[in-house]
Amino acid sequence: MAATERTGPRAGGTPHDGPIEIELDGEHTERTDRADDLDVELWEGTFDSFCAREQATMARALALALDDRELGRDAAAEALTRAWERWDTVASYGNPAGWVYRVGLNWGRSRLRKRRREIVSALVPERPQREVEDDDRVAAAIALLSHDHREVVVAKYYLDWSEADIAAALDIPAGTVKSRLHRALAHLDEQLRSQT
């Protein structure tokens, strides 16, 4: 698992006033620090341990949910950067990883919408589907799910979250989570059976 690294001038307990760099799967994504008044020393150990524990898993989960490995990495980096900027608030949530997942999904969806608009305006065919996981059959079946269904399946079976955690992270009722999981699993079962 990659470690979080921050660059920029700092001394003792002074605020961080340089760019933030978060490493995901051996690649660096640099973000601009928009929270110059934060006392980094106060949260550094807590955020670093959270980031070390969650960043690789979150990047893979978002890659699955968004059906794009690179976008998943970027979404995780953006969400972790935003979590770092407001770590005092995010750390107080019952499920900080849920907050990061939700922010990453929203950011990634926004990028997907922007991509689609660019594609249509440029009259270029849709982007090719990218491989996300080693098991191509499962990844292909997951990719066929709607975004809503894909998000709950990834959260439930990849992140191993409870239905209550998923509902809180996605800001939807628990009944909706159950319904989406039921429909998504039926669709996945049908897809995987047809491939054998």
N, C-alpha and C. Protein backbone atom coordinates (compact mmCIF):
# COMPACT_ATOMS: atom_id res chain seq x y z
N MET A 1 0.84 -1.16 0.00
CA MET A 1 0.00 0.00 0.00
C MET A 1 0.89 1.23 0.00
N ALA A 2 0.56 2.19 -0.82
CA ALA A 2 1.38 3.38 -0.97
C ALA A 2 1.19 4.32 0.21
N ALA A 3 2.19 5.10 0.48
CA ALA A 3 2.13 6.04 1.59
C ALA A 3 1.74 7.41 1.09
N THR A 4 1.15 8.20 1.98
CA THR A 4 0.78 9.56 1.64
C THR A 4 2.00 10.45 1.84
N GLU A 5 2.21 11.34 0.93
CA GLU A 5 3.34 12.25 1.03
C GLU A 5 2.84 13.65 0.78
N ARG A 6 3.27 14.59 1.60
CA ARG A 6 2.92 15.99 1.37
C ARG A 6 4.20 16.75 1.07
N THR A 7 4.12 17.64 0.11
CA THR A 7 5.28 18.45 -0.20
C THR A 7 4.92 19.90 0.02
N GLY A 8 5.93 20.72 0.14
CA GLY A 8 5.69 22.14 0.33
C GLY A 8 6.34 22.60 1.61
N PRO A 9 6.50 23.89 1.77
CA PRO A 9 7.16 24.40 2.96
C PRO A 9 6.34 24.19 4.21
N ARG A 10 6.97 23.64 5.24
CA ARG A 10 6.36 23.45 6.55
C ARG A 10 7.45 23.50 7.59
N ALA A 11 7.11 23.98 8.72
CA ALA A 11 8.06 23.95 9.83
C ALA A 11 7.27 23.81 11.11
N GLY A 12 7.62 22.83 11.92
CA GLY A 12 6.93 22.65 13.19
C GLY A 12 5.44 22.51 12.99
N GLY A 13 4.67 23.38 13.63
CA GLY A 13 3.22 23.32 13.53
C GLY A 13 2.65 24.34 12.57
N THR A 14 3.44 24.85 11.65
CA THR A 14 2.93 25.87 10.73
C THR A 14 2.01 25.24 9.70
N PRO A 15 1.06 26.01 9.19
CA PRO A 15 0.15 25.47 8.19
C PRO A 15 0.88 25.03 6.94
N HIS A 16 0.31 24.06 6.29
CA HIS A 16 0.82 23.54 5.02
C HIS A 16 0.44 24.52 3.93
N ASP A 17 1.40 25.03 3.18
CA ASP A 17 1.07 26.01 2.16
C ASP A 17 1.67 25.66 0.81
N GLY A 18 1.83 24.40 0.52
CA GLY A 18 2.29 23.95 -0.78
C GLY A 18 1.32 22.93 -1.34
N PRO A 19 1.61 22.36 -2.48
CA PRO A 19 0.70 21.37 -3.05
C PRO A 19 0.69 20.08 -2.26
N ILE A 20 -0.42 19.38 -2.33
CA ILE A 20 -0.57 18.08 -1.69
C ILE A 20 -0.31 17.04 -2.77
N GLU A 21 0.44 16.02 -2.44
CA GLU A 21 0.68 14.95 -3.39
C GLU A 21 0.28 13.64 -2.73
N ILE A 22 -0.65 12.90 -3.36
CA ILE A 22 -1.10 11.63 -2.82
C ILE A 22 -0.72 10.55 -3.79
N GLU A 23 -0.09 9.51 -3.28
CA GLU A 23 0.37 8.41 -4.12
C GLU A 23 -0.67 7.31 -4.12
N LEU A 24 -1.07 6.87 -5.32
CA LEU A 24 -2.01 5.78 -5.49
C LEU A 24 -1.43 4.79 -6.47
N ASP A 25 -1.25 3.55 -6.03
CA ASP A 25 -0.74 2.48 -6.88
C ASP A 25 0.54 2.88 -7.61
N GLY A 26 1.44 3.55 -6.92
CA GLY A 26 2.73 3.90 -7.50
C GLY A 26 2.71 5.13 -8.39
N GLU A 27 1.56 5.78 -8.53
CA GLU A 27 1.48 6.99 -9.34
C GLU A 27 1.13 8.16 -8.43
N HIS A 28 1.58 9.35 -8.79
CA HIS A 28 1.30 10.53 -7.99
C HIS A 28 0.25 11.37 -8.68
N THR A 29 -0.70 11.87 -7.90
CA THR A 29 -1.67 12.81 -8.38
C THR A 29 -1.50 14.06 -7.54
N GLU A 30 -1.14 15.16 -8.15
CA GLU A 30 -0.88 16.38 -7.40
C GLU A 30 -2.13 17.24 -7.37
N ARG A 31 -2.42 17.79 -6.23
CA ARG A 31 -3.57 18.66 -6.05
C ARG A 31 -3.10 19.95 -5.40
N THR A 32 -3.78 21.03 -5.67
CA THR A 32 -3.44 22.29 -5.05
C THR A 32 -4.06 22.35 -3.67
N ASP A 33 -3.30 22.82 -2.71
CA ASP A 33 -3.79 22.98 -1.34
C ASP A 33 -4.67 24.21 -1.29
N ARG A 34 -5.94 24.01 -1.02
CA ARG A 34 -6.87 25.13 -0.93
C ARG A 34 -7.19 25.45 0.52
N ALA A 35 -6.49 24.86 1.45
CA ALA A 35 -6.79 25.07 2.86
C ALA A 35 -5.53 25.52 3.59
N ASP A 36 -5.04 26.69 3.21
CA ASP A 36 -3.78 27.17 3.75
C ASP A 36 -3.82 27.41 5.26
N ASP A 37 -5.00 27.59 5.82
CA ASP A 37 -5.07 27.91 7.24
C ASP A 37 -5.17 26.69 8.14
N LEU A 38 -5.06 25.47 7.59
CA LEU A 38 -5.15 24.25 8.40
C LEU A 38 -3.88 24.00 9.20
N ASP A 39 -4.03 23.49 10.39
CA ASP A 39 -2.88 23.10 11.19
C ASP A 39 -2.62 21.62 10.91
N VAL A 40 -1.73 21.35 9.96
CA VAL A 40 -1.46 19.99 9.49
C VAL A 40 -0.96 19.11 10.62
N GLU A 41 -0.15 19.63 11.52
CA GLU A 41 0.42 18.82 12.58
C GLU A 41 -0.66 18.21 13.45
N LEU A 42 -1.78 18.91 13.63
CA LEU A 42 -2.86 18.44 14.48
C LEU A 42 -3.45 17.14 13.97
N TRP A 43 -3.59 17.00 12.63
CA TRP A 43 -4.29 15.85 12.07
C TRP A 43 -3.38 14.88 11.36
N GLU A 44 -2.15 15.19 11.19
CA GLU A 44 -1.28 14.43 10.30
C GLU A 44 -1.27 12.93 10.60
N GLY A 45 -1.07 12.54 11.84
CA GLY A 45 -1.01 11.12 12.16
C GLY A 45 -2.33 10.42 11.90
N THR A 46 -3.43 11.03 12.28
CA THR A 46 -4.73 10.43 12.09
C THR A 46 -5.06 10.30 10.61
N PHE A 47 -4.87 11.36 9.85
CA PHE A 47 -5.17 11.29 8.42
C PHE A 47 -4.22 10.33 7.71
N ASP A 48 -2.96 10.37 8.06
CA ASP A 48 -2.00 9.47 7.42
C ASP A 48 -2.38 8.01 7.64
N SER A 49 -2.79 7.66 8.85
CA SER A 49 -3.18 6.26 9.09
C SER A 49 -4.46 5.92 8.34
N PHE A 50 -5.41 6.85 8.30
CA PHE A 50 -6.64 6.64 7.52
C PHE A 50 -6.31 6.46 6.05
N CYS A 51 -5.47 7.32 5.53
CA CYS A 51 -5.11 7.28 4.11
C CYS A 51 -4.35 6.00 3.78
N ALA A 52 -3.41 5.62 4.62
CA ALA A 52 -2.64 4.39 4.39
C ALA A 52 -3.56 3.17 4.39
N ARG A 53 -4.57 3.21 5.24
CA ARG A 53 -5.49 2.08 5.35
C ARG A 53 -6.50 2.05 4.20
N GLU A 54 -6.92 3.20 3.70
CA GLU A 54 -8.05 3.25 2.78
C GLU A 54 -7.72 3.58 1.32
N GLN A 55 -6.59 4.23 1.04
CA GLN A 55 -6.43 4.80 -0.31
C GLN A 55 -6.41 3.78 -1.43
N ALA A 56 -5.69 2.69 -1.30
CA ALA A 56 -5.62 1.71 -2.40
C ALA A 56 -6.97 1.04 -2.60
N THR A 57 -7.63 0.67 -1.50
CA THR A 57 -8.94 0.04 -1.59
C THR A 57 -9.95 1.00 -2.20
N MET A 58 -9.90 2.25 -1.78
CA MET A 58 -10.84 3.25 -2.30
C MET A 58 -10.61 3.47 -3.80
N ALA A 59 -9.36 3.52 -4.23
CA ALA A 59 -9.06 3.71 -5.66
C ALA A 59 -9.61 2.55 -6.48
N ARG A 60 -9.43 1.33 -5.98
CA ARG A 60 -9.96 0.16 -6.71
C ARG A 60 -11.49 0.15 -6.69
N ALA A 61 -12.09 0.48 -5.56
CA ALA A 61 -13.55 0.50 -5.46
C ALA A 61 -14.14 1.54 -6.41
N LEU A 62 -13.54 2.70 -6.45
CA LEU A 62 -14.05 3.75 -7.34
C LEU A 62 -13.80 3.38 -8.80
N ALA A 63 -12.70 2.70 -9.08
CA ALA A 63 -12.44 2.24 -10.46
C ALA A 63 -13.53 1.26 -10.89
N LEU A 64 -13.92 0.37 -10.00
CA LEU A 64 -15.01 -0.57 -10.30
C LEU A 64 -16.33 0.16 -10.47
N ALA A 65 -16.64 1.04 -9.54
CA ALA A 65 -17.93 1.74 -9.57
C ALA A 65 -18.05 2.65 -10.78
N LEU A 66 -16.95 3.27 -11.17
CA LEU A 66 -16.97 4.21 -12.30
C LEU A 66 -16.61 3.54 -13.62
N ASP A 67 -16.19 2.27 -13.57
CA ASP A 67 -15.83 1.50 -14.75
C ASP A 67 -14.65 2.11 -15.50
N ASP A 68 -13.68 2.62 -14.75
CA ASP A 68 -12.53 3.26 -15.37
C ASP A 68 -11.41 3.33 -14.33
N ARG A 69 -10.34 2.58 -14.57
CA ARG A 69 -9.25 2.50 -13.59
C ARG A 69 -8.61 3.86 -13.33
N GLU A 70 -8.28 4.58 -14.38
CA GLU A 70 -7.63 5.89 -14.21
C GLU A 70 -8.55 6.89 -13.52
N LEU A 71 -9.80 6.90 -13.92
CA LEU A 71 -10.76 7.79 -13.29
C LEU A 71 -10.95 7.42 -11.83
N GLY A 72 -10.95 6.14 -11.53
CA GLY A 72 -11.06 5.70 -10.14
C GLY A 72 -9.90 6.20 -9.29
N ARG A 73 -8.69 6.12 -9.83
CA ARG A 73 -7.52 6.66 -9.10
C ARG A 73 -7.65 8.16 -8.89
N ASP A 74 -8.03 8.86 -9.96
CA ASP A 74 -8.17 10.32 -9.85
C ASP A 74 -9.27 10.70 -8.86
N ALA A 75 -10.39 9.97 -8.91
CA ALA A 75 -11.51 10.25 -8.00
C ALA A 75 -11.09 10.00 -6.55
N ALA A 76 -10.35 8.92 -6.31
CA ALA A 76 -9.87 8.64 -4.95
C ALA A 76 -8.91 9.73 -4.48
N ALA A 77 -8.01 10.15 -5.36
CA ALA A 77 -7.06 11.21 -5.00
C ALA A 77 -7.79 12.51 -4.68
N GLU A 78 -8.77 12.85 -5.49
CA GLU A 78 -9.53 14.08 -5.26
C GLU A 78 -10.31 13.99 -3.95
N ALA A 79 -10.96 12.88 -3.72
CA ALA A 79 -11.74 12.71 -2.50
C ALA A 79 -10.86 12.72 -1.25
N LEU A 80 -9.70 12.06 -1.33
CA LEU A 80 -8.78 12.06 -0.19
C LEU A 80 -8.20 13.45 0.05
N THR A 81 -7.96 14.19 -1.02
CA THR A 81 -7.49 15.57 -0.87
C THR A 81 -8.54 16.41 -0.16
N ARG A 82 -9.78 16.25 -0.57
CA ARG A 82 -10.87 17.00 0.07
C ARG A 82 -11.04 16.57 1.53
N ALA A 83 -10.87 15.28 1.80
CA ALA A 83 -10.94 14.81 3.18
C ALA A 83 -9.82 15.43 4.01
N TRP A 84 -8.62 15.49 3.44
CA TRP A 84 -7.48 16.06 4.15
C TRP A 84 -7.72 17.53 4.47
N GLU A 85 -8.31 18.25 3.52
CA GLU A 85 -8.56 19.68 3.70
C GLU A 85 -9.53 19.96 4.85
N ARG A 86 -10.44 19.02 5.12
CA ARG A 86 -11.43 19.22 6.16
C ARG A 86 -11.44 18.04 7.12
N TRP A 87 -10.22 17.54 7.40
CA TRP A 87 -10.11 16.30 8.18
C TRP A 87 -10.75 16.41 9.56
N ASP A 88 -10.72 17.57 10.20
CA ASP A 88 -11.33 17.69 11.53
C ASP A 88 -12.81 17.37 11.47
N THR A 89 -13.49 17.75 10.42
CA THR A 89 -14.92 17.46 10.27
C THR A 89 -15.13 16.02 9.81
N VAL A 90 -14.41 15.60 8.78
CA VAL A 90 -14.58 14.25 8.21
C VAL A 90 -14.26 13.18 9.25
N ALA A 91 -13.23 13.39 10.04
CA ALA A 91 -12.84 12.41 11.05
C ALA A 91 -13.93 12.21 12.10
N SER A 92 -14.78 13.21 12.29
CA SER A 92 -15.84 13.09 13.28
C SER A 92 -17.05 12.33 12.76
N TYR A 93 -17.12 12.07 11.47
CA TYR A 93 -18.23 11.31 10.90
C TYR A 93 -18.15 9.86 11.35
N GLY A 94 -19.28 9.21 11.39
CA GLY A 94 -19.32 7.81 11.78
C GLY A 94 -18.60 6.91 10.79
N ASN A 95 -18.55 7.31 9.52
CA ASN A 95 -17.92 6.50 8.48
C ASN A 95 -17.15 7.43 7.53
N PRO A 96 -15.94 7.85 7.92
CA PRO A 96 -15.17 8.73 7.04
C PRO A 96 -14.91 8.11 5.67
N ALA A 97 -14.72 6.80 5.61
CA ALA A 97 -14.50 6.14 4.32
C ALA A 97 -15.74 6.26 3.44
N GLY A 98 -16.91 6.23 4.04
CA GLY A 98 -18.15 6.42 3.29
C GLY A 98 -18.22 7.81 2.69
N TRP A 99 -17.78 8.80 3.45
CA TRP A 99 -17.75 10.17 2.95
C TRP A 99 -16.80 10.26 1.76
N VAL A 100 -15.62 9.66 1.89
CA VAL A 100 -14.63 9.69 0.80
C VAL A 100 -15.18 8.98 -0.44
N TYR A 101 -15.82 7.83 -0.24
CA TYR A 101 -16.41 7.09 -1.36
C TYR A 101 -17.46 7.94 -2.08
N ARG A 102 -18.33 8.57 -1.31
CA ARG A 102 -19.40 9.40 -1.89
C ARG A 102 -18.81 10.58 -2.65
N VAL A 103 -17.84 11.27 -2.07
CA VAL A 103 -17.21 12.40 -2.74
C VAL A 103 -16.51 11.93 -4.01
N GLY A 104 -15.81 10.80 -3.95
CA GLY A 104 -15.15 10.26 -5.13
C GLY A 104 -16.14 9.90 -6.22
N LEU A 105 -17.26 9.28 -5.84
CA LEU A 105 -18.29 8.94 -6.84
C LEU A 105 -18.84 10.20 -7.49
N ASN A 106 -19.17 11.19 -6.69
CA ASN A 106 -19.72 12.43 -7.25
C ASN A 106 -18.73 13.10 -8.19
N TRP A 107 -17.47 13.15 -7.79
CA TRP A 107 -16.45 13.77 -8.62
C TRP A 107 -16.27 12.97 -9.91
N GLY A 108 -16.22 11.65 -9.79
CA GLY A 108 -16.05 10.80 -10.97
C GLY A 108 -17.23 10.89 -11.92
N ARG A 109 -18.44 10.91 -11.38
CA ARG A 109 -19.63 11.07 -12.24
C ARG A 109 -19.58 12.39 -13.00
N SER A 110 -19.16 13.42 -12.31
CA SER A 110 -19.04 14.72 -12.97
C SER A 110 -18.06 14.65 -14.14
N ARG A 111 -16.94 13.97 -13.94
CA ARG A 111 -15.96 13.81 -15.02
C ARG A 111 -16.52 12.97 -16.16
N LEU A 112 -17.29 11.93 -15.83
CA LEU A 112 -17.91 11.11 -16.88
C LEU A 112 -18.90 11.92 -17.71
N ARG A 113 -19.70 12.75 -17.04
CA ARG A 113 -20.64 13.61 -17.78
C ARG A 113 -19.89 14.57 -18.69
N LYS A 114 -18.82 15.13 -18.18
CA LYS A 114 -18.02 16.05 -18.99
C LYS A 114 -17.43 15.33 -20.20
N ARG A 115 -16.93 14.11 -19.97
CA ARG A 115 -16.39 13.31 -21.08
C ARG A 115 -17.44 13.06 -22.15
N ARG A 116 -18.63 12.68 -21.70
CA ARG A 116 -19.71 12.40 -22.67
C ARG A 116 -20.04 13.62 -23.49
N ARG A 117 -20.10 14.77 -22.84
CA ARG A 117 -20.38 16.01 -23.59
C ARG A 117 -19.29 16.28 -24.61
N GLU A 118 -18.03 16.07 -24.21
CA GLU A 118 -16.92 16.29 -25.14
C GLU A 118 -16.97 15.32 -26.30
N ILE A 119 -17.32 14.08 -26.03
CA ILE A 119 -17.40 13.07 -27.08
C ILE A 119 -18.48 13.43 -28.08
N VAL A 120 -19.65 13.80 -27.56
CA VAL A 120 -20.75 14.14 -28.46
C VAL A 120 -20.40 15.37 -29.28
N SER A 121 -19.83 16.37 -28.64
CA SER A 121 -19.50 17.59 -29.37
C SER A 121 -18.41 17.36 -30.41
N ALA A 122 -17.52 16.41 -30.16
CA ALA A 122 -16.44 16.13 -31.11
C ALA A 122 -16.83 15.03 -32.11
N LEU A 123 -18.02 14.44 -31.91
CA LEU A 123 -18.50 13.35 -32.77
C LEU A 123 -17.51 12.19 -32.85
N VAL A 124 -16.96 11.86 -31.68
CA VAL A 124 -16.04 10.75 -31.57
C VAL A 124 -16.80 9.58 -30.97
N PRO A 125 -16.56 8.34 -31.42
CA PRO A 125 -17.25 7.20 -30.82
C PRO A 125 -16.97 7.11 -29.33
N GLU A 126 -17.87 6.40 -28.62
CA GLU A 126 -17.70 6.24 -27.18
C GLU A 126 -16.35 5.63 -26.85
N ARG A 127 -15.87 5.96 -25.66
CA ARG A 127 -14.58 5.43 -25.21
C ARG A 127 -14.65 3.91 -25.08
N PRO A 128 -13.57 3.22 -25.32
CA PRO A 128 -13.58 1.77 -25.15
C PRO A 128 -13.69 1.41 -23.67
N GLN A 129 -14.37 0.31 -23.41
CA GLN A 129 -14.49 -0.16 -22.03
C GLN A 129 -13.12 -0.66 -21.56
N ARG A 130 -12.73 -0.26 -20.36
CA ARG A 130 -11.41 -0.64 -19.84
C ARG A 130 -11.52 -1.77 -18.84
N GLU A 131 -10.50 -2.59 -18.83
CA GLU A 131 -10.44 -3.67 -17.85
C GLU A 131 -10.19 -3.07 -16.48
N VAL A 132 -10.93 -3.51 -15.49
CA VAL A 132 -10.80 -2.97 -14.15
C VAL A 132 -10.20 -3.98 -13.19
N GLU A 133 -10.59 -5.22 -13.29
CA GLU A 133 -10.11 -6.26 -12.37
C GLU A 133 -9.56 -7.43 -13.17
N ASP A 134 -8.84 -8.31 -12.47
CA ASP A 134 -8.26 -9.47 -13.13
C ASP A 134 -9.31 -10.39 -13.72
N ASP A 135 -10.41 -10.59 -13.04
CA ASP A 135 -11.46 -11.47 -13.54
C ASP A 135 -12.30 -10.69 -14.55
N ASP A 136 -11.98 -10.87 -15.82
CA ASP A 136 -12.63 -10.12 -16.89
C ASP A 136 -14.13 -10.36 -16.95
N ARG A 137 -14.55 -11.59 -16.69
CA ARG A 137 -15.99 -11.90 -16.76
C ARG A 137 -16.77 -11.12 -15.73
N VAL A 138 -16.28 -11.09 -14.50
CA VAL A 138 -16.99 -10.37 -13.44
C VAL A 138 -16.93 -8.87 -13.71
N ALA A 139 -15.78 -8.37 -14.10
CA ALA A 139 -15.65 -6.95 -14.39
C ALA A 139 -16.57 -6.55 -15.54
N ALA A 140 -16.67 -7.39 -16.55
CA ALA A 140 -17.55 -7.10 -17.68
C ALA A 140 -19.01 -7.09 -17.24
N ALA A 141 -19.38 -8.05 -16.40
CA ALA A 141 -20.76 -8.09 -15.90
C ALA A 141 -21.06 -6.88 -15.02
N ILE A 142 -20.12 -6.50 -14.17
CA ILE A 142 -20.31 -5.32 -13.32
C ILE A 142 -20.43 -4.07 -14.18
N ALA A 143 -19.66 -3.99 -15.24
CA ALA A 143 -19.69 -2.82 -16.12
C ALA A 143 -21.04 -2.66 -16.80
N LEU A 144 -21.78 -3.73 -16.96
CA LEU A 144 -23.09 -3.66 -17.61
C LEU A 144 -24.18 -3.14 -16.67
N LEU A 145 -23.89 -3.10 -15.39
CA LEU A 145 -24.86 -2.59 -14.43
C LEU A 145 -24.99 -1.07 -14.57
N SER A 146 -26.14 -0.56 -14.19
CA SER A 146 -26.31 0.90 -14.15
C SER A 146 -25.36 1.44 -13.06
N HIS A 147 -25.10 2.73 -13.11
CA HIS A 147 -24.22 3.33 -12.10
C HIS A 147 -24.78 3.12 -10.70
N ASP A 148 -26.09 3.28 -10.52
CA ASP A 148 -26.70 3.10 -9.20
C ASP A 148 -26.50 1.68 -8.68
N HIS A 149 -26.70 0.69 -9.54
CA HIS A 149 -26.54 -0.70 -9.12
C HIS A 149 -25.06 -1.03 -8.90
N ARG A 150 -24.20 -0.53 -9.77
CA ARG A 150 -22.76 -0.80 -9.65
C ARG A 150 -22.23 -0.26 -8.33
N GLU A 151 -22.66 0.94 -7.95
CA GLU A 151 -22.17 1.56 -6.72
C GLU A 151 -22.49 0.72 -5.49
N VAL A 152 -23.72 0.20 -5.40
CA VAL A 152 -24.07 -0.57 -4.21
C VAL A 152 -23.39 -1.93 -4.21
N VAL A 153 -23.22 -2.54 -5.38
CA VAL A 153 -22.54 -3.84 -5.45
C VAL A 153 -21.08 -3.70 -5.02
N VAL A 154 -20.41 -2.67 -5.51
CA VAL A 154 -19.01 -2.45 -5.15
C VAL A 154 -18.89 -2.17 -3.65
N ALA A 155 -19.77 -1.33 -3.12
CA ALA A 155 -19.71 -1.01 -1.69
C ALA A 155 -19.99 -2.24 -0.83
N LYS A 156 -20.93 -3.06 -1.24
CA LYS A 156 -21.31 -4.23 -0.44
C LYS A 156 -20.27 -5.34 -0.52
N TYR A 157 -19.85 -5.70 -1.73
CA TYR A 157 -19.01 -6.88 -1.89
C TYR A 157 -17.52 -6.59 -2.04
N TYR A 158 -17.17 -5.41 -2.46
CA TYR A 158 -15.75 -5.09 -2.56
C TYR A 158 -15.27 -4.39 -1.28
N LEU A 159 -16.05 -3.42 -0.82
CA LEU A 159 -15.66 -2.70 0.40
C LEU A 159 -16.16 -3.41 1.66
N ASP A 160 -17.06 -4.38 1.49
CA ASP A 160 -17.61 -5.17 2.60
C ASP A 160 -18.35 -4.29 3.60
N TRP A 161 -19.15 -3.35 3.09
CA TRP A 161 -19.93 -2.46 3.93
C TRP A 161 -21.30 -3.06 4.19
N SER A 162 -21.87 -2.71 5.32
CA SER A 162 -23.25 -3.11 5.63
C SER A 162 -24.20 -2.27 4.78
N GLU A 163 -25.44 -2.72 4.72
CA GLU A 163 -26.44 -1.96 3.97
C GLU A 163 -26.64 -0.58 4.60
N ALA A 164 -26.56 -0.50 5.92
CA ALA A 164 -26.70 0.80 6.60
C ALA A 164 -25.55 1.73 6.24
N ASP A 165 -24.32 1.19 6.17
CA ASP A 165 -23.17 2.01 5.78
C ASP A 165 -23.31 2.51 4.34
N ILE A 166 -23.79 1.64 3.47
CA ILE A 166 -23.98 2.03 2.06
C ILE A 166 -25.04 3.12 1.97
N ALA A 167 -26.15 2.93 2.68
CA ALA A 167 -27.23 3.92 2.66
C ALA A 167 -26.72 5.28 3.14
N ALA A 168 -25.93 5.28 4.20
CA ALA A 168 -25.39 6.54 4.73
C ALA A 168 -24.41 7.17 3.75
N ALA A 169 -23.54 6.35 3.16
CA ALA A 169 -22.53 6.89 2.24
C ALA A 169 -23.15 7.46 0.98
N LEU A 170 -24.18 6.80 0.46
CA LEU A 170 -24.80 7.24 -0.79
C LEU A 170 -26.00 8.16 -0.57
N ASP A 171 -26.35 8.37 0.70
CA ASP A 171 -27.46 9.23 1.07
C ASP A 171 -28.77 8.77 0.43
N ILE A 172 -29.04 7.47 0.58
CA ILE A 172 -30.28 6.87 0.08
C ILE A 172 -30.86 5.99 1.19
N PRO A 173 -32.16 5.71 1.14
CA PRO A 173 -32.76 4.85 2.17
C PRO A 173 -32.21 3.43 2.12
N ALA A 174 -32.20 2.75 3.27
CA ALA A 174 -31.71 1.37 3.34
C ALA A 174 -32.53 0.45 2.44
N GLY A 175 -33.82 0.71 2.32
CA GLY A 175 -34.67 -0.09 1.44
C GLY A 175 -34.24 0.03 -0.01
N THR A 176 -33.79 1.20 -0.40
CA THR A 176 -33.31 1.40 -1.77
C THR A 176 -32.03 0.61 -2.00
N VAL A 177 -31.16 0.57 -0.99
CA VAL A 177 -29.93 -0.23 -1.09
C VAL A 177 -30.30 -1.70 -1.31
N LYS A 178 -31.23 -2.22 -0.50
CA LYS A 178 -31.64 -3.62 -0.63
C LYS A 178 -32.22 -3.90 -2.01
N SER A 179 -33.07 -3.01 -2.46
CA SER A 179 -33.70 -3.18 -3.77
C SER A 179 -32.66 -3.18 -4.89
N ARG A 180 -31.75 -2.21 -4.83
CA ARG A 180 -30.71 -2.14 -5.86
C ARG A 180 -29.80 -3.37 -5.84
N LEU A 181 -29.44 -3.82 -4.63
CA LEU A 181 -28.61 -5.01 -4.52
C LEU A 181 -29.32 -6.23 -5.10
N HIS A 182 -30.58 -6.39 -4.78
CA HIS A 182 -31.35 -7.52 -5.28
C HIS A 182 -31.39 -7.52 -6.81
N ARG A 183 -31.72 -6.39 -7.38
CA ARG A 183 -31.81 -6.29 -8.85
C ARG A 183 -30.43 -6.46 -9.50
N ALA A 184 -29.43 -5.85 -8.90
CA ALA A 184 -28.07 -5.94 -9.47
C ALA A 184 -27.57 -7.38 -9.44
N LEU A 185 -27.80 -8.08 -8.32
CA LEU A 185 -27.34 -9.47 -8.22
C LEU A 185 -28.07 -10.37 -9.21
N ALA A 186 -29.35 -10.12 -9.40
CA ALA A 186 -30.10 -10.91 -10.39
C ALA A 186 -29.52 -10.67 -11.79
N HIS A 187 -29.21 -9.42 -12.09
CA HIS A 187 -28.64 -9.09 -13.40
C HIS A 187 -27.25 -9.71 -13.56
N LEU A 188 -26.43 -9.64 -12.52
CA LEU A 188 -25.09 -10.23 -12.57
C LEU A 188 -25.17 -11.74 -12.77
N ASP A 189 -26.08 -12.38 -12.04
CA ASP A 189 -26.25 -13.82 -12.17
C ASP A 189 -26.62 -14.19 -13.60
N GLU A 190 -27.55 -13.44 -14.16
CA GLU A 190 -27.97 -13.69 -15.56
C GLU A 190 -26.80 -13.50 -16.52
N GLN A 191 -26.06 -12.44 -16.34
CA GLN A 191 -24.92 -12.15 -17.23
C GLN A 191 -23.84 -13.24 -17.14
N LEU A 192 -23.50 -13.62 -15.92
CA LEU A 192 -22.43 -14.61 -15.73
C LEU A 192 -22.85 -16.00 -16.23
N ARG A 193 -24.12 -16.35 -16.05
CA ARG A 193 -24.61 -17.64 -16.56
C ARG A 193 -24.60 -17.67 -18.09
N SER A 194 -24.91 -16.55 -18.69
CA SER A 194 -24.93 -16.51 -20.16
C SER A 194 -23.52 -16.56 -20.77
N GLN A 195 -22.50 -16.25 -19.97
CA GLN A 195 -21.12 -16.26 -20.47
C GLN A 195 -20.47 -17.62 -20.35
N THR A 196 -21.09 -18.55 -19.64
CA THR A 196 -20.46 -19.86 -19.45
C THR A 196 -20.84 -20.82 -20.54
